[in-house]
Amino acid sequence: MFPDVRHRRLPTLFLLVTALALPLTACGQDLGKSNFARTTVPAAAGTGQVADGPITDAAVAADVLRTIQPCQFLTKDALGALGLGTVEADPSPSSIAFDKCSNKVKDPGGKEIRFALEIGSTTAPRADKTTGQAGGLPLRVNKTGDTDCTVAAMTALNPDLALAVSVTYAGDPCRPGQTLVNAVVQKVHNSPEKYSTPSGTVLTADPCAMADTAVVAAAVPSAKSAPSGLHSCEWRDRGPAVTVGFLPGLPPIVGDGYSKVDLGNGVTAFQKQATEGSARCKVQWQHRPWQGDDVELAQVDYQGYDDDNGDPCGKAVTVAKNVVTKLPKP
């Protein structure tokens, strides 16, 4: 998901690692040098062959994953059951994404294990780094340096989507990551907790179906769509790009560079052009209530060439007017 720079709360997730992946057998230091014994962390990586071809598991279809609550996998009970250590706090949901959550564990030696989960990540390790399987899904592992690892169970291929966990830990970060991913996959196949889906919610909307190709082509000629998350879709043609996305957040207001713009159909949005000569503009509007003070937001982000003297907000608004007509009706 593209960032909401206007949001008045900092995201609670640290970034997923996207560096080159290493095989599972080279995933880190000897567990004997970590602060927990080998028996403390159960083996997690699946073994066996994973069939080639598309993933047809109905439990991990995108329209199913869109409504799954991510924090259920990082509660005190859920993490405590994995035998990784002590869980002291409740999970922290992302304030700018429906599908991200984080928490941390202290291993028996007192070292902190930080977890960040994304349901529907598009930043999984490369396909040639697939190493075994988790619940029948291809498992990819990406270790960077001594303390960071991303473990991803693939839910779709070409384009890629994954149940991805990033771990920071001054031990063997891949091993607890594999443990958690296995637990996530198992729960996804066994009655996971889901968000409520009232009439008109964008939670169930396919963002790649929320804009007409012909309308996007006026801003980004010859662009092809690809998911950039479960609730985000990007149309890109080399440099220029349009992204349509849905996220939770506070209601947008005038200020901090934002101004009102009429999208028609009774919808008022707020647009902001990036400064310093960047040909970028974001248009954001409230769709319906969400939870507490937050609402469901729809957003269109246009990114052109830096030296483009065109009208980036005009292009973003044109796409936004089209998106408004296609959103689920509240």
C-alpha atoms as a PDB file:
ATOM      1  CA  MET A   1       0.000   0.000   0.000  1.00  0.00           C
ATOM      2  CA  PHE A   2       1.218   3.466  -0.831  1.00  0.00           C
ATOM      3  CA  PRO A   3       1.694   5.681   2.235  1.00  0.00           C
ATOM      4  CA  ASP A   4      -0.826   8.210   3.501  1.00  0.00           C
ATOM      5  CA  VAL A   5       1.536  11.121   4.181  1.00  0.00           C
ATOM      6  CA  ARG A   6      -1.233  13.207   5.720  1.00  0.00           C
ATOM      7  CA  HIS A   7      -2.180  10.658   8.386  1.00  0.00           C
ATOM      8  CA  ARG A   8      -1.754  12.008  11.890  1.00  0.00           C
ATOM      9  CA  ARG A   9      -0.541   8.753  13.402  1.00  0.00           C
ATOM     10  CA  LEU A  10       2.703   6.967  12.729  1.00  0.00           C
ATOM     11  CA  PRO A  11       2.389   3.433  11.331  1.00  0.00           C
ATOM     12  CA  THR A  12       3.129   0.730  13.852  1.00  0.00           C
ATOM     13  CA  LEU A  13       4.822  -1.665  11.496  1.00  0.00           C
ATOM     14  CA  PHE A  14       8.452  -1.764  10.633  1.00  0.00           C
ATOM     15  CA  LEU A  15       9.130  -2.362   6.918  1.00  0.00           C
ATOM     16  CA  LEU A  16       9.217  -5.801   5.398  1.00  0.00           C
ATOM     17  CA  VAL A  17      12.710  -6.758   4.366  1.00  0.00           C
ATOM     18  CA  THR A  18      13.125  -7.001   0.566  1.00  0.00           C
ATOM     19  CA  ALA A  19      16.773  -7.905   0.090  1.00  0.00           C
ATOM     20  CA  LEU A  20      18.079 -11.096  -1.530  1.00  0.00           C
ATOM     21  CA  ALA A  21      16.774 -14.292   0.001  1.00  0.00           C
ATOM     22  CA  LEU A  22      18.934 -17.117   1.368  1.00  0.00           C
ATOM     23  CA  PRO A  23      18.064 -20.808   1.490  1.00  0.00           C
ATOM     24  CA  LEU A  24      16.428 -22.053   4.646  1.00  0.00           C
ATOM     25  CA  THR A  25      19.487 -24.064   5.619  1.00  0.00           C
ATOM     26  CA  ALA A  26      21.570 -20.886   5.631  1.00  0.00           C
ATOM     27  CA  CYS A  27      19.065 -18.939   7.678  1.00  0.00           C
ATOM     28  CA  GLY A  28      21.337 -17.780  10.448  1.00  0.00           C
ATOM     29  CA  GLN A  29      23.604 -18.617  13.313  1.00  0.00           C
ATOM     30  CA  ASP A  30      23.634 -21.832  15.340  1.00  0.00           C
ATOM     31  CA  LEU A  31      20.700 -21.883  17.755  1.00  0.00           C
ATOM     32  CA  GLY A  32      23.182 -22.884  20.425  1.00  0.00           C
ATOM     33  CA  LYS A  33      24.479 -19.317  20.249  1.00  0.00           C
ATOM     34  CA  SER A  34      20.988 -17.870  20.695  1.00  0.00           C
ATOM     35  CA  ASN A  35      19.396 -17.152  24.041  1.00  0.00           C
ATOM     36  CA  PHE A  36      16.917 -19.995  23.842  1.00  0.00           C
ATOM     37  CA  ALA A  37      17.535 -23.709  23.659  1.00  0.00           C
ATOM     38  CA  ARG A  38      16.918 -25.703  20.526  1.00  0.00           C
ATOM     39  CA  THR A  39      13.897 -27.317  22.140  1.00  0.00           C
ATOM     40  CA  THR A  40      12.292 -23.950  22.905  1.00  0.00           C
ATOM     41  CA  VAL A  41      11.418 -23.129  19.305  1.00  0.00           C
ATOM     42  CA  PRO A  42       9.573 -25.880  17.450  1.00  0.00           C
ATOM     43  CA  ALA A  43      10.593 -26.706  13.925  1.00  0.00           C
ATOM     44  CA  ALA A  44       8.325 -24.783  11.577  1.00  0.00           C
ATOM     45  CA  ALA A  45       9.377 -24.977   7.977  1.00  0.00           C
ATOM     46  CA  GLY A  46       7.385 -27.453   5.992  1.00  0.00           C
ATOM     47  CA  THR A  47       9.108 -30.048   3.920  1.00  0.00           C
ATOM     48  CA  GLY A  48       8.172 -31.858   0.783  1.00  0.00           C
ATOM     49  CA  GLN A  49       7.567 -30.883  -2.793  1.00  0.00           C
ATOM     50  CA  VAL A  50       5.278 -28.030  -3.802  1.00  0.00           C
ATOM     51  CA  ALA A  51       3.396 -28.541  -7.042  1.00  0.00           C
ATOM     52  CA  ASP A  52       4.182 -26.201  -9.903  1.00  0.00           C
ATOM     53  CA  GLY A  53       1.489 -24.044 -11.416  1.00  0.00           C
ATOM     54  CA  PRO A  54      -1.075 -21.627 -10.010  1.00  0.00           C
ATOM     55  CA  ILE A  55      -2.184 -21.785  -6.374  1.00  0.00           C
ATOM     56  CA  THR A  56      -5.817 -22.912  -6.255  1.00  0.00           C
ATOM     57  CA  ASP A  57      -6.297 -23.154  -2.477  1.00  0.00           C
ATOM     58  CA  ALA A  58      -9.704 -21.504  -1.879  1.00  0.00           C
ATOM     59  CA  ALA A  59      -8.788 -20.595   1.717  1.00  0.00           C
ATOM     60  CA  VAL A  60      -6.117 -18.148   0.507  1.00  0.00           C
ATOM     61  CA  ALA A  61      -7.969 -16.595  -2.417  1.00  0.00           C
ATOM     62  CA  ALA A  62      -7.632 -12.815  -2.413  1.00  0.00           C
ATOM     63  CA  ASP A  63     -11.329 -12.172  -1.825  1.00  0.00           C
ATOM     64  CA  VAL A  64     -11.167 -14.399   1.273  1.00  0.00           C
ATOM     65  CA  LEU A  65      -7.942 -12.928   2.650  1.00  0.00           C
ATOM     66  CA  ARG A  66      -9.223  -9.338   2.347  1.00  0.00           C
ATOM     67  CA  THR A  67     -11.531  -9.755   5.326  1.00  0.00           C
ATOM     68  CA  ILE A  68      -9.179 -11.655   7.670  1.00  0.00           C
ATOM     69  CA  GLN A  69      -8.091  -9.761  10.787  1.00  0.00           C
ATOM     70  CA  PRO A  70      -4.264  -9.780  10.996  1.00  0.00           C
ATOM     71  CA  CYS A  71      -3.850  -9.180  14.739  1.00  0.00           C
ATOM     72  CA  GLN A  72      -5.446 -12.499  15.719  1.00  0.00           C
ATOM     73  CA  PHE A  73      -2.158 -14.219  14.854  1.00  0.00           C
ATOM     74  CA  LEU A  74      -0.119 -11.962  17.167  1.00  0.00           C
ATOM     75  CA  THR A  75      -2.162 -11.958  20.366  1.00  0.00           C
ATOM     76  CA  LYS A  76      -0.626 -12.989  23.674  1.00  0.00           C
ATOM     77  CA  ASP A  77      -2.335 -16.357  23.459  1.00  0.00           C
ATOM     78  CA  ALA A  78      -1.433 -16.974  19.817  1.00  0.00           C
ATOM     79  CA  LEU A  79       2.245 -16.078  20.199  1.00  0.00           C
ATOM     80  CA  GLY A  80       2.482 -17.683  23.634  1.00  0.00           C
ATOM     81  CA  ALA A  81       1.331 -21.005  22.204  1.00  0.00           C
ATOM     82  CA  LEU A  82       4.328 -21.036  19.843  1.00  0.00           C
ATOM     83  CA  GLY A  83       6.868 -21.456  22.638  1.00  0.00           C
ATOM     84  CA  LEU A  84       9.047 -18.559  21.517  1.00  0.00           C
ATOM     85  CA  GLY A  85       9.168 -16.723  24.827  1.00  0.00           C
ATOM     86  CA  THR A  86       7.196 -14.178  26.840  1.00  0.00           C
ATOM     87  CA  VAL A  87       4.586 -11.949  25.222  1.00  0.00           C
ATOM     88  CA  GLU A  88       4.140  -8.781  27.272  1.00  0.00           C
ATOM     89  CA  ALA A  89       1.827  -6.635  25.154  1.00  0.00           C
ATOM     90  CA  ASP A  90      -1.227  -6.851  22.957  1.00  0.00           C
ATOM     91  CA  PRO A  91      -0.645  -6.680  19.194  1.00  0.00           C
ATOM     92  CA  SER A  92      -0.458  -3.307  17.447  1.00  0.00           C
ATOM     93  CA  PRO A  93      -2.679  -2.981  14.384  1.00  0.00           C
ATOM     94  CA  SER A  94      -1.484  -0.692  11.629  1.00  0.00           C
ATOM     95  CA  SER A  95      -3.243   2.675  11.642  1.00  0.00           C
ATOM     96  CA  ILE A  96      -3.001   2.930   7.837  1.00  0.00           C
ATOM     97  CA  ALA A  97      -3.686  -0.598   6.612  1.00  0.00           C
ATOM     98  CA  PHE A  98      -6.408  -3.205   7.091  1.00  0.00           C
ATOM     99  CA  ASP A  99      -4.029  -6.135   6.669  1.00  0.00           C
ATOM    100  CA  LYS A 100      -0.967  -5.401   8.844  1.00  0.00           C
ATOM    101  CA  CYS A 101      -0.182  -5.962  12.508  1.00  0.00           C
ATOM    102  CA  SER A 102       2.898  -6.241  14.748  1.00  0.00           C
ATOM    103  CA  ASN A 103       4.000  -7.456  18.156  1.00  0.00           C
ATOM    104  CA  LYS A 104       7.118  -8.615  19.991  1.00  0.00           C
ATOM    105  CA  VAL A 105       8.280 -11.480  22.177  1.00  0.00           C
ATOM    106  CA  LYS A 106      11.128 -11.787  24.674  1.00  0.00           C
ATOM    107  CA  ASP A 107      13.002 -15.054  24.392  1.00  0.00           C
ATOM    108  CA  PRO A 108      14.086 -16.889  27.576  1.00  0.00           C
ATOM    109  CA  GLY A 109      17.405 -15.024  27.500  1.00  0.00           C
ATOM    110  CA  GLY A 110      15.692 -11.634  27.371  1.00  0.00           C
ATOM    111  CA  LYS A 111      16.316 -10.853  23.706  1.00  0.00           C
ATOM    112  CA  GLU A 112      13.479  -9.202  21.804  1.00  0.00           C
ATOM    113  CA  ILE A 113      11.885 -10.841  18.777  1.00  0.00           C
ATOM    114  CA  ARG A 114       9.921  -8.309  16.723  1.00  0.00           C
ATOM    115  CA  PHE A 115       7.244  -9.559  14.329  1.00  0.00           C
ATOM    116  CA  ALA A 116       5.378  -7.731  11.581  1.00  0.00           C
ATOM    117  CA  LEU A 117       2.670  -9.579   9.649  1.00  0.00           C
ATOM    118  CA  GLU A 118       1.128  -8.575   6.351  1.00  0.00           C
ATOM    119  CA  ILE A 119      -1.722 -10.505   4.784  1.00  0.00           C
ATOM    120  CA  GLY A 120      -1.345 -10.092   1.027  1.00  0.00           C
ATOM    121  CA  SER A 121       2.221  -8.840   0.778  1.00  0.00           C
ATOM    122  CA  THR A 122       3.649  -8.191  -2.699  1.00  0.00           C
ATOM    123  CA  THR A 123       7.238  -7.938  -1.432  1.00  0.00           C
ATOM    124  CA  ALA A 124       7.923 -11.631  -0.913  1.00  0.00           C
ATOM    125  CA  PRO A 125      11.345 -13.149  -1.645  1.00  0.00           C
ATOM    126  CA  ARG A 126      12.094 -14.211  -5.211  1.00  0.00           C
ATOM    127  CA  ALA A 127      10.626 -17.383  -6.637  1.00  0.00           C
ATOM    128  CA  ASP A 128      14.026 -19.087  -6.890  1.00  0.00           C
ATOM    129  CA  LYS A 129      14.294 -18.893  -3.100  1.00  0.00           C
ATOM    130  CA  THR A 130      11.313 -21.158  -2.470  1.00  0.00           C
ATOM    131  CA  THR A 131      12.301 -23.632   0.239  1.00  0.00           C
ATOM    132  CA  GLY A 132       9.716 -26.261   1.101  1.00  0.00           C
ATOM    133  CA  GLN A 133       6.120 -25.502   1.960  1.00  0.00           C
ATOM    134  CA  ALA A 134       3.824 -24.364   4.755  1.00  0.00           C
ATOM    135  CA  GLY A 135       0.426 -26.008   4.770  1.00  0.00           C
ATOM    136  CA  GLY A 136       0.782 -26.820   1.082  1.00  0.00           C
ATOM    137  CA  LEU A 137       1.768 -23.259   0.136  1.00  0.00           C
ATOM    138  CA  PRO A 138       5.212 -22.472  -1.311  1.00  0.00           C
ATOM    139  CA  LEU A 139       7.488 -21.090   1.420  1.00  0.00           C
ATOM    140  CA  ARG A 140      10.095 -18.430   0.642  1.00  0.00           C
ATOM    141  CA  VAL A 141      12.765 -17.166   3.039  1.00  0.00           C
ATOM    142  CA  ASN A 142      14.718 -13.926   2.846  1.00  0.00           C
ATOM    143  CA  LYS A 143      17.479 -13.235   5.391  1.00  0.00           C
ATOM    144  CA  THR A 144      19.377  -9.946   5.522  1.00  0.00           C
ATOM    145  CA  GLY A 145      22.365  -9.451   7.771  1.00  0.00           C
ATOM    146  CA  ASP A 146      22.439 -11.119  11.149  1.00  0.00           C
ATOM    147  CA  THR A 147      19.121  -9.974  12.585  1.00  0.00           C
ATOM    148  CA  ASP A 148      16.437  -9.626   9.891  1.00  0.00           C
ATOM    149  CA  CYS A 149      14.421 -12.222   8.034  1.00  0.00           C
ATOM    150  CA  THR A 150      11.215 -12.324   5.985  1.00  0.00           C
ATOM    151  CA  VAL A 151       9.295 -15.581   5.710  1.00  0.00           C
ATOM    152  CA  ALA A 152       6.435 -15.758   3.230  1.00  0.00           C
ATOM    153  CA  ALA A 153       3.826 -18.399   2.463  1.00  0.00           C
ATOM    154  CA  MET A 154       2.743 -17.689  -1.107  1.00  0.00           C
ATOM    155  CA  THR A 155      -0.990 -17.376  -1.718  1.00  0.00           C
ATOM    156  CA  ALA A 156      -0.779 -16.387  -5.397  1.00  0.00           C
ATOM    157  CA  LEU A 157       1.894 -16.411  -8.100  1.00  0.00           C
ATOM    158  CA  ASN A 158       2.519 -14.074 -11.044  1.00  0.00           C
ATOM    159  CA  PRO A 159       1.637 -11.615  -9.628  1.00  0.00           C
ATOM    160  CA  ASP A 160       2.846 -12.692  -6.213  1.00  0.00           C
ATOM    161  CA  LEU A 161       0.879 -12.350  -2.983  1.00  0.00           C
ATOM    162  CA  ALA A 162       1.879 -13.833   0.350  1.00  0.00           C
ATOM    163  CA  LEU A 163       1.202 -14.250   4.029  1.00  0.00           C
ATOM    164  CA  ALA A 164       4.462 -12.598   5.029  1.00  0.00           C
ATOM    165  CA  VAL A 165       6.164 -12.191   8.391  1.00  0.00           C
ATOM    166  CA  SER A 166       9.223 -10.018   8.893  1.00  0.00           C
ATOM    167  CA  VAL A 167      11.328 -10.647  11.974  1.00  0.00           C
ATOM    168  CA  THR A 168      14.067  -8.688  13.709  1.00  0.00           C
ATOM    169  CA  TYR A 169      15.965 -10.738  16.276  1.00  0.00           C
ATOM    170  CA  ALA A 170      19.571 -10.957  17.429  1.00  0.00           C
ATOM    171  CA  GLY A 171      19.446 -14.732  17.248  1.00  0.00           C
ATOM    172  CA  ASP A 172      18.187 -16.756  14.288  1.00  0.00           C
ATOM    173  CA  PRO A 173      15.368 -14.534  12.956  1.00  0.00           C
ATOM    174  CA  CYS A 174      14.233 -16.983  10.289  1.00  0.00           C
ATOM    175  CA  ARG A 175      13.372 -19.773  12.699  1.00  0.00           C
ATOM    176  CA  PRO A 176      10.715 -17.906  14.731  1.00  0.00           C
ATOM    177  CA  GLY A 177       9.473 -16.435  11.467  1.00  0.00           C
ATOM    178  CA  GLN A 178       8.893 -19.906  10.080  1.00  0.00           C
ATOM    179  CA  THR A 179       7.157 -20.941  13.289  1.00  0.00           C
ATOM    180  CA  LEU A 180       4.744 -18.037  13.083  1.00  0.00           C
ATOM    181  CA  VAL A 181       4.057 -18.443   9.361  1.00  0.00           C
ATOM    182  CA  ASN A 182       3.164 -22.094   9.866  1.00  0.00           C
ATOM    183  CA  ALA A 183       0.732 -21.104  12.611  1.00  0.00           C
ATOM    184  CA  VAL A 184      -0.783 -18.376  10.422  1.00  0.00           C
ATOM    185  CA  VAL A 185      -1.311 -20.757   7.510  1.00  0.00           C
ATOM    186  CA  GLN A 186      -2.891 -23.337   9.798  1.00  0.00           C
ATOM    187  CA  LYS A 187      -5.288 -20.770  11.275  1.00  0.00           C
ATOM    188  CA  VAL A 188      -6.206 -19.372   7.856  1.00  0.00           C
ATOM    189  CA  HIS A 189      -7.317 -22.881   6.945  1.00  0.00           C
ATOM    190  CA  ASN A 190      -9.247 -23.284  10.188  1.00  0.00           C
ATOM    191  CA  SER A 191     -11.940 -20.636  10.752  1.00  0.00           C
ATOM    192  CA  PRO A 192      -9.890 -17.425  11.037  1.00  0.00           C
ATOM    193  CA  GLU A 193     -11.458 -14.373  12.645  1.00  0.00           C
ATOM    194  CA  LYS A 194     -12.783 -11.915  10.085  1.00  0.00           C
ATOM    195  CA  TYR A 195     -13.795  -8.292   9.976  1.00  0.00           C
ATOM    196  CA  SER A 196     -17.469  -7.514   9.764  1.00  0.00           C
ATOM    197  CA  THR A 197     -18.427  -6.609   6.220  1.00  0.00           C
ATOM    198  CA  PRO A 198     -21.365  -4.197   6.282  1.00  0.00           C
ATOM    199  CA  SER A 199     -23.031  -3.199   3.056  1.00  0.00           C
ATOM    200  CA  GLY A 200     -20.855  -0.884   1.028  1.00  0.00           C
ATOM    201  CA  THR A 201     -17.531  -1.623   2.734  1.00  0.00           C
ATOM    202  CA  VAL A 202     -14.388  -1.330   0.621  1.00  0.00           C
ATOM    203  CA  LEU A 203     -12.878  -4.255   2.536  1.00  0.00           C
ATOM    204  CA  THR A 204     -14.332  -6.693   0.042  1.00  0.00           C
ATOM    205  CA  ALA A 205     -13.642  -4.612  -3.076  1.00  0.00           C
ATOM    206  CA  ASP A 206     -11.045  -5.668  -5.630  1.00  0.00           C
ATOM    207  CA  PRO A 207      -9.043  -2.453  -6.162  1.00  0.00           C
ATOM    208  CA  CYS A 208      -7.943  -3.569  -9.625  1.00  0.00           C
ATOM    209  CA  ALA A 209     -11.607  -3.611 -10.678  1.00  0.00           C
ATOM    210  CA  MET A 210     -12.344  -0.131  -9.332  1.00  0.00           C
ATOM    211  CA  ALA A 211     -11.137   1.854 -12.352  1.00  0.00           C
ATOM    212  CA  ASP A 212     -11.800   1.517 -16.069  1.00  0.00           C
ATOM    213  CA  THR A 213      -8.750   0.752 -18.183  1.00  0.00           C
ATOM    214  CA  ALA A 214      -9.663   3.458 -20.682  1.00  0.00           C
ATOM    215  CA  VAL A 215      -9.824   6.108 -17.945  1.00  0.00           C
ATOM    216  CA  VAL A 216      -6.482   5.088 -16.448  1.00  0.00           C
ATOM    217  CA  ALA A 217      -4.933   4.983 -19.934  1.00  0.00           C
ATOM    218  CA  ALA A 218      -5.589   8.705 -20.308  1.00  0.00           C
ATOM    219  CA  ALA A 219      -3.165   9.268 -17.433  1.00  0.00           C
ATOM    220  CA  VAL A 220      -0.842   6.292 -17.961  1.00  0.00           C
ATOM    221  CA  PRO A 221      -0.968   5.026 -21.566  1.00  0.00           C
ATOM    222  CA  SER A 222      -0.487   1.279 -22.112  1.00  0.00           C
ATOM    223  CA  ALA A 223      -0.550   0.641 -18.371  1.00  0.00           C
ATOM    224  CA  LYS A 224      -1.311  -2.803 -17.024  1.00  0.00           C
ATOM    225  CA  SER A 225      -2.838  -3.387 -13.610  1.00  0.00           C
ATOM    226  CA  ALA A 226      -1.253  -5.479 -10.863  1.00  0.00           C
ATOM    227  CA  PRO A 227      -2.163  -5.770  -7.181  1.00  0.00           C
ATOM    228  CA  SER A 228       0.147  -3.884  -4.829  1.00  0.00           C
ATOM    229  CA  GLY A 229      -1.583  -5.490  -1.871  1.00  0.00           C
ATOM    230  CA  LEU A 230      -5.018  -6.877  -1.083  1.00  0.00           C
ATOM    231  CA  HIS A 231      -6.458  -3.368  -0.899  1.00  0.00           C
ATOM    232  CA  SER A 232      -4.278  -1.607  -3.454  1.00  0.00           C
ATOM    233  CA  CYS A 233      -3.731  -1.824  -7.214  1.00  0.00           C
ATOM    234  CA  GLU A 234      -1.175  -0.147  -9.444  1.00  0.00           C
ATOM    235  CA  TRP A 235      -1.305   0.690 -13.135  1.00  0.00           C
ATOM    236  CA  ARG A 236       2.217   1.376 -14.406  1.00  0.00           C
ATOM    237  CA  ASP A 237       3.887   2.024 -17.749  1.00  0.00           C
ATOM    238  CA  ARG A 238       7.625   2.343 -17.131  1.00  0.00           C
ATOM    239  CA  GLY A 239       7.763   5.621 -15.204  1.00  0.00           C
ATOM    240  CA  PRO A 240       4.221   7.005 -14.708  1.00  0.00           C
ATOM    241  CA  ALA A 241       1.838   5.123 -12.423  1.00  0.00           C
ATOM    242  CA  VAL A 242      -1.645   5.324 -10.937  1.00  0.00           C
ATOM    243  CA  THR A 243      -2.459   3.561  -7.681  1.00  0.00           C
ATOM    244  CA  VAL A 244      -5.945   2.988  -6.319  1.00  0.00           C
ATOM    245  CA  GLY A 245      -6.150   1.926  -2.707  1.00  0.00           C
ATOM    246  CA  PHE A 246      -8.369   1.572   0.347  1.00  0.00           C
ATOM    247  CA  LEU A 247      -7.240   2.126   3.926  1.00  0.00           C
ATOM    248  CA  PRO A 248      -8.459   3.078   7.396  1.00  0.00           C
ATOM    249  CA  GLY A 249      -7.737   6.562   8.685  1.00  0.00           C
ATOM    250  CA  LEU A 250      -9.035   9.808  10.084  1.00  0.00           C
ATOM    251  CA  PRO A 251     -11.449  11.785   7.914  1.00  0.00           C
ATOM    252  CA  PRO A 252      -9.521  14.032   5.502  1.00  0.00           C
ATOM    253  CA  ILE A 253      -9.724  17.792   5.987  1.00  0.00           C
ATOM    254  CA  VAL A 254      -8.464  20.979   4.351  1.00  0.00           C
ATOM    255  CA  GLY A 255      -4.968  21.894   5.432  1.00  0.00           C
ATOM    256  CA  ASP A 256      -1.358  20.738   5.186  1.00  0.00           C
ATOM    257  CA  GLY A 257      -1.495  21.271   1.447  1.00  0.00           C
ATOM    258  CA  TYR A 258      -4.858  19.575   0.946  1.00  0.00           C
ATOM    259  CA  SER A 259      -7.715  21.355  -0.820  1.00  0.00           C
ATOM    260  CA  LYS A 260     -11.271  20.309  -1.614  1.00  0.00           C
ATOM    261  CA  VAL A 261     -12.240  18.887  -4.974  1.00  0.00           C
ATOM    262  CA  ASP A 262     -15.673  17.756  -6.194  1.00  0.00           C
ATOM    263  CA  LEU A 263     -15.740  14.199  -7.548  1.00  0.00           C
ATOM    264  CA  GLY A 264     -19.422  14.277  -8.432  1.00  0.00           C
ATOM    265  CA  ASN A 265     -22.119  11.957  -7.106  1.00  0.00           C
ATOM    266  CA  GLY A 266     -22.154  14.041  -3.909  1.00  0.00           C
ATOM    267  CA  VAL A 267     -18.564  13.126  -3.001  1.00  0.00           C
ATOM    268  CA  THR A 268     -16.066  15.729  -1.814  1.00  0.00           C
ATOM    269  CA  ALA A 269     -12.419  14.688  -1.888  1.00  0.00           C
ATOM    270  CA  PHE A 270      -9.166  16.319  -0.859  1.00  0.00           C
ATOM    271  CA  GLN A 271      -6.223  16.638  -3.224  1.00  0.00           C
ATOM    272  CA  LYS A 272      -2.582  17.397  -2.550  1.00  0.00           C
ATOM    273  CA  GLN A 273       0.217  17.865  -5.049  1.00  0.00           C
ATOM    274  CA  ALA A 274       3.708  16.954  -3.964  1.00  0.00           C
ATOM    275  CA  THR A 275       6.157  19.818  -3.641  1.00  0.00           C
ATOM    276  CA  GLU A 276       9.643  20.331  -5.059  1.00  0.00           C
ATOM    277  CA  GLY A 277       8.596  19.897  -8.688  1.00  0.00           C
ATOM    278  CA  SER A 278       7.470  16.289  -8.377  1.00  0.00           C
ATOM    279  CA  ALA A 279       4.673  15.400 -10.786  1.00  0.00           C
ATOM    280  CA  ARG A 280       2.713  13.604  -8.092  1.00  0.00           C
ATOM    281  CA  CYS A 281      -0.749  14.137  -6.670  1.00  0.00           C
ATOM    282  CA  LYS A 282      -2.905  12.254  -4.199  1.00  0.00           C
ATOM    283  CA  VAL A 283      -6.700  12.434  -3.999  1.00  0.00           C
ATOM    284  CA  GLN A 284      -8.378  11.003  -0.904  1.00  0.00           C
ATOM    285  CA  TRP A 285     -11.961  10.857   0.329  1.00  0.00           C
ATOM    286  CA  GLN A 286     -14.116   9.284   3.007  1.00  0.00           C
ATOM    287  CA  HIS A 287     -16.196   6.328   1.849  1.00  0.00           C
ATOM    288  CA  ARG A 288     -17.970   5.162   5.011  1.00  0.00           C
ATOM    289  CA  PRO A 289     -17.403   4.850   8.791  1.00  0.00           C
ATOM    290  CA  TRP A 290     -14.876   2.287  10.015  1.00  0.00           C
ATOM    291  CA  GLN A 291     -14.020   1.880  13.716  1.00  0.00           C
ATOM    292  CA  GLY A 292     -13.990   4.550  16.417  1.00  0.00           C
ATOM    293  CA  ASP A 293     -12.911   7.852  14.909  1.00  0.00           C
ATOM    294  CA  ASP A 294     -11.528   6.170  11.808  1.00  0.00           C
ATOM    295  CA  VAL A 295     -13.289   5.876   8.468  1.00  0.00           C
ATOM    296  CA  GLU A 296     -12.795   3.857   5.325  1.00  0.00           C
ATOM    297  CA  LEU A 297     -10.756   5.954   2.917  1.00  0.00           C
ATOM    298  CA  ALA A 298     -10.456   5.619  -0.851  1.00  0.00           C
ATOM    299  CA  GLN A 299      -7.350   7.060  -2.450  1.00  0.00           C
ATOM    300  CA  VAL A 300      -5.921   7.641  -5.918  1.00  0.00           C
ATOM    301  CA  ASP A 301      -2.233   8.447  -6.275  1.00  0.00           C
ATOM    302  CA  TYR A 302      -0.755   9.625  -9.586  1.00  0.00           C
ATOM    303  CA  GLN A 303       3.039   9.615 -10.027  1.00  0.00           C
ATOM    304  CA  GLY A 304       4.511  11.053 -13.222  1.00  0.00           C
ATOM    305  CA  TYR A 305       7.996  11.955 -14.316  1.00  0.00           C
ATOM    306  CA  ASP A 306       9.776  14.455 -12.080  1.00  0.00           C
ATOM    307  CA  ASP A 307      10.319  16.820 -15.003  1.00  0.00           C
ATOM    308  CA  ASP A 308       6.720  16.517 -16.227  1.00  0.00           C
ATOM    309  CA  ASN A 309       5.047  19.935 -16.353  1.00  0.00           C
ATOM    310  CA  GLY A 310       1.603  18.442 -16.825  1.00  0.00           C
ATOM    311  CA  ASP A 311      -1.313  18.418 -14.422  1.00  0.00           C
ATOM    312  CA  PRO A 312      -0.818  15.517 -11.969  1.00  0.00           C
ATOM    313  CA  CYS A 313      -3.836  16.470  -9.835  1.00  0.00           C
ATOM    314  CA  GLY A 314      -6.020  16.712 -12.935  1.00  0.00           C
ATOM    315  CA  LYS A 315      -5.007  13.173 -13.875  1.00  0.00           C
ATOM    316  CA  ALA A 316      -5.550  11.852 -10.345  1.00  0.00           C
ATOM    317  CA  VAL A 317      -8.956  13.540 -10.080  1.00  0.00           C
ATOM    318  CA  THR A 318     -10.064  12.101 -13.435  1.00  0.00           C
ATOM    319  CA  VAL A 319      -9.319   8.584 -12.211  1.00  0.00           C
ATOM    320  CA  ALA A 320     -10.884   9.313  -8.811  1.00  0.00           C
ATOM    321  CA  LYS A 321     -14.139  10.416 -10.462  1.00  0.00           C
ATOM    322  CA  ASN A 322     -14.242   7.064 -12.222  1.00  0.00           C
ATOM    323  CA  VAL A 323     -13.455   5.128  -9.020  1.00  0.00           C
ATOM    324  CA  VAL A 324     -16.317   6.828  -7.171  1.00  0.00           C
ATOM    325  CA  THR A 325     -18.814   5.353  -9.628  1.00  0.00           C
ATOM    326  CA  LYS A 326     -17.505   1.827  -9.085  1.00  0.00           C
ATOM    327  CA  LEU A 327     -17.160   1.652  -5.304  1.00  0.00           C
ATOM    328  CA  PRO A 328     -19.602  -0.464  -3.299  1.00  0.00           C
ATOM    329  CA  LYS A 329     -22.597   1.641  -2.267  1.00  0.00           C
ATOM    330  CA  PRO A 330     -22.671   2.427   1.494  1.00  0.00           C
END
